[in-house]
Amino acid sequence: MPLGDVSSTYTDLMETVFSSTIAAKAWFATAAITLAVVQVLTAARMWGKLQSIVPLSFANARRVHIWSGRLAVLCTLPVFFHCVTMLGFKTPDARVTIHSIAGSFVYGVLAAKLLVIRHRSRNYAPWVLPVLGGSLAAVLTTLWLTSSLWYFTTVRFGF
């Protein structure tokens, strides 16, 4: 199936719910960043911080952390598809340049975090996982600020 057909099918699918593919991208990214906030809060709870703010047991915080992470990654997939196949890497101004660079790092940071989690028995320094998780949250925040926030404040706030 040619890429044009896939792109057309994606556009048709997104425009059944949203006013445009860019609106879909903005809302999926917003869902991902919201879930990233849940990730940061539950990770902090699992590391013994924010116990009064996140009143969950370790086991429940871990479960919420795992599932919010899975859902966050799932929400990024249509955004990734849109950015790679329809927009590409561009540098017309500072906002788009920062967004393109951050977008180039997001799945690399995610892969590094998942590899550390998968190979916990390798005795990584205790700061490695929080740094990777924080880096992933920072990259997602940068992407959201340079895309969705811009869209909602410059183009339109709506579906």
Protein backbone atom coordinates (compact mmCIF):
# COMPACT_ATOMS: atom_id res chain seq x y z
CA MET A 1 0.00 0.00 0.00
CA PRO A 2 1.60 3.33 -1.02
CA LEU A 3 2.30 5.90 1.68
CA GLY A 4 -0.18 8.27 0.06
CA ASP A 5 -2.99 5.78 0.64
CA VAL A 6 -1.99 5.33 4.29
CA SER A 7 -1.81 9.09 4.76
CA SER A 8 -5.22 9.53 3.14
CA THR A 9 -6.72 6.81 5.34
CA TYR A 10 -5.16 8.42 8.42
CA THR A 11 -6.61 11.80 7.41
CA ASP A 12 -10.05 10.33 6.85
CA LEU A 13 -9.95 8.53 10.20
CA MET A 14 -8.77 11.57 12.17
CA GLU A 15 -11.25 13.91 10.50
CA THR A 16 -14.19 11.71 11.55
CA VAL A 17 -13.59 12.95 15.11
CA PHE A 18 -11.46 16.08 14.81
CA SER A 19 -11.73 19.14 12.59
CA SER A 20 -8.28 18.47 11.10
CA THR A 21 -5.30 16.20 11.44
CA ILE A 22 -3.40 18.96 13.24
CA ALA A 23 -6.24 19.19 15.80
CA ALA A 24 -6.01 15.41 16.28
CA LYS A 25 -2.26 15.70 16.77
CA ALA A 26 -2.72 18.45 19.37
CA TRP A 27 -5.31 16.49 21.35
CA PHE A 28 -3.41 13.18 21.27
CA ALA A 29 -0.28 15.02 22.43
CA THR A 30 -2.33 16.62 25.21
CA ALA A 31 -3.52 13.19 26.32
CA ALA A 32 0.09 11.96 26.30
CA ILE A 33 1.37 14.89 28.38
CA THR A 34 -1.49 14.46 30.86
CA LEU A 35 -0.52 10.81 31.24
CA ALA A 36 3.13 11.90 31.57
CA VAL A 37 2.10 14.00 34.60
CA VAL A 38 0.51 10.85 36.06
CA GLN A 39 3.79 9.07 35.32
CA VAL A 40 5.86 11.66 37.19
CA LEU A 41 3.49 11.67 40.18
CA THR A 42 3.31 7.88 40.49
CA ALA A 43 7.07 7.53 39.97
CA ALA A 44 7.67 10.04 42.74
CA ARG A 45 5.29 8.06 44.96
CA MET A 46 7.12 4.82 44.19
CA TRP A 47 10.44 6.49 45.11
CA GLY A 48 8.96 7.47 48.49
CA LYS A 49 8.09 11.08 47.66
CA LEU A 50 4.70 12.84 47.52
CA GLN A 51 3.02 10.24 49.72
CA SER A 52 0.50 12.80 50.98
CA ILE A 53 -0.29 14.04 47.45
CA VAL A 54 -0.47 10.59 45.83
CA PRO A 55 -2.12 8.43 48.53
CA LEU A 56 -1.56 5.09 46.82
CA SER A 57 0.22 2.02 48.04
CA PHE A 58 3.45 1.16 46.24
CA ALA A 59 1.70 -1.67 44.37
CA ASN A 60 -1.16 0.54 43.21
CA ALA A 61 1.19 3.39 42.26
CA ARG A 62 3.25 0.91 40.25
CA ARG A 63 0.16 -0.43 38.48
CA VAL A 64 -1.07 3.08 37.63
CA HIS A 65 2.46 4.02 36.52
CA ILE A 66 2.74 1.05 34.16
CA TRP A 67 -0.70 1.52 32.58
CA SER A 68 -0.46 5.30 32.27
CA GLY A 69 2.88 4.79 30.54
CA ARG A 70 1.43 2.29 28.11
CA LEU A 71 -1.47 4.61 27.33
CA ALA A 72 0.87 7.59 26.95
CA VAL A 73 2.98 5.72 24.39
CA LEU A 74 -0.18 4.64 22.59
CA CYS A 75 -1.32 8.29 22.42
CA THR A 76 2.00 9.32 20.87
CA LEU A 77 1.71 6.91 17.94
CA PRO A 78 -0.77 8.96 15.84
CA VAL A 79 1.28 12.06 16.67
CA PHE A 80 4.46 10.32 15.53
CA PHE A 81 2.80 9.11 12.32
CA HIS A 82 1.50 12.60 11.57
CA CYS A 83 4.84 14.29 12.25
CA VAL A 84 6.95 11.82 10.29
CA THR A 85 4.74 11.21 7.26
CA MET A 86 2.98 14.56 6.85
CA LEU A 87 5.26 17.20 8.32
CA GLY A 88 8.80 15.88 8.51
CA PHE A 89 11.85 17.59 10.03
CA LYS A 90 11.61 21.35 9.42
CA THR A 91 13.46 24.43 10.62
CA PRO A 92 11.52 27.54 9.49
CA ASP A 93 11.59 29.19 12.94
CA ALA A 94 12.80 28.55 16.50
CA ARG A 95 9.59 26.88 17.69
CA VAL A 96 9.47 24.36 14.85
CA THR A 97 13.22 23.74 15.04
CA ILE A 98 13.04 22.99 18.78
CA HIS A 99 10.02 20.77 18.16
CA SER A 100 11.75 18.86 15.35
CA ILE A 101 14.88 18.28 17.45
CA ALA A 102 12.93 17.19 20.55
CA GLY A 103 10.79 14.90 18.38
CA SER A 104 13.95 13.24 17.12
CA PHE A 105 14.89 12.32 20.71
CA VAL A 106 11.60 11.18 22.23
CA TYR A 107 11.60 7.53 21.20
CA GLY A 108 15.33 7.20 21.88
CA VAL A 109 14.84 8.36 25.46
CA LEU A 110 11.82 6.07 25.78
CA ALA A 111 13.85 3.11 24.47
CA ALA A 112 16.68 3.86 26.92
CA LYS A 113 14.22 3.99 29.83
CA LEU A 114 12.55 0.74 28.82
CA LEU A 115 15.92 -1.00 28.39
CA VAL A 116 16.98 0.05 31.89
CA ILE A 117 13.67 -1.24 33.28
CA ARG A 118 13.99 -4.49 31.36
CA HIS A 119 17.58 -5.07 32.54
CA ARG A 120 17.24 -3.99 36.19
CA SER A 121 19.48 -6.87 37.24
CA ARG A 122 22.49 -5.09 35.72
CA ASN A 123 22.77 -2.90 38.81
CA TYR A 124 22.52 0.52 37.22
CA ALA A 125 23.23 3.45 39.50
CA PRO A 126 20.08 4.36 41.46
CA TRP A 127 19.82 7.74 39.72
CA VAL A 128 19.67 6.32 36.16
CA LEU A 129 15.98 5.44 36.01
CA PRO A 130 14.73 8.73 37.56
CA VAL A 131 16.98 10.71 35.21
CA LEU A 132 15.68 8.83 32.16
CA GLY A 133 12.07 9.17 33.32
CA GLY A 134 12.56 12.88 34.00
CA SER A 135 14.26 13.31 30.63
CA LEU A 136 11.35 11.63 28.88
CA ALA A 137 8.89 13.87 30.73
CA ALA A 138 10.98 16.92 29.79
CA VAL A 139 11.12 15.96 26.11
CA LEU A 140 7.35 15.32 26.03
CA THR A 141 6.74 18.66 27.76
CA THR A 142 8.94 20.43 25.22
CA LEU A 143 7.05 18.75 22.38
CA TRP A 144 3.68 19.70 23.88
CA LEU A 145 4.71 23.32 24.51
CA THR A 146 6.01 23.72 20.95
CA SER A 147 3.03 22.07 19.28
CA SER A 148 -0.23 21.63 21.18
CA LEU A 149 0.03 24.73 23.34
CA TRP A 150 0.96 26.74 20.25
CA TYR A 151 -1.99 25.24 18.35
CA PHE A 152 -4.47 25.91 21.15
CA THR A 153 -3.33 29.52 21.67
CA THR A 154 -2.62 30.47 18.05
CA VAL A 155 -4.92 28.44 15.81
CA ARG A 156 -7.92 27.31 17.83
CA PHE A 157 -8.92 25.56 21.00
CA GLY A 158 -11.31 22.83 20.00
CA PHE A 159 -11.73 19.53 18.26
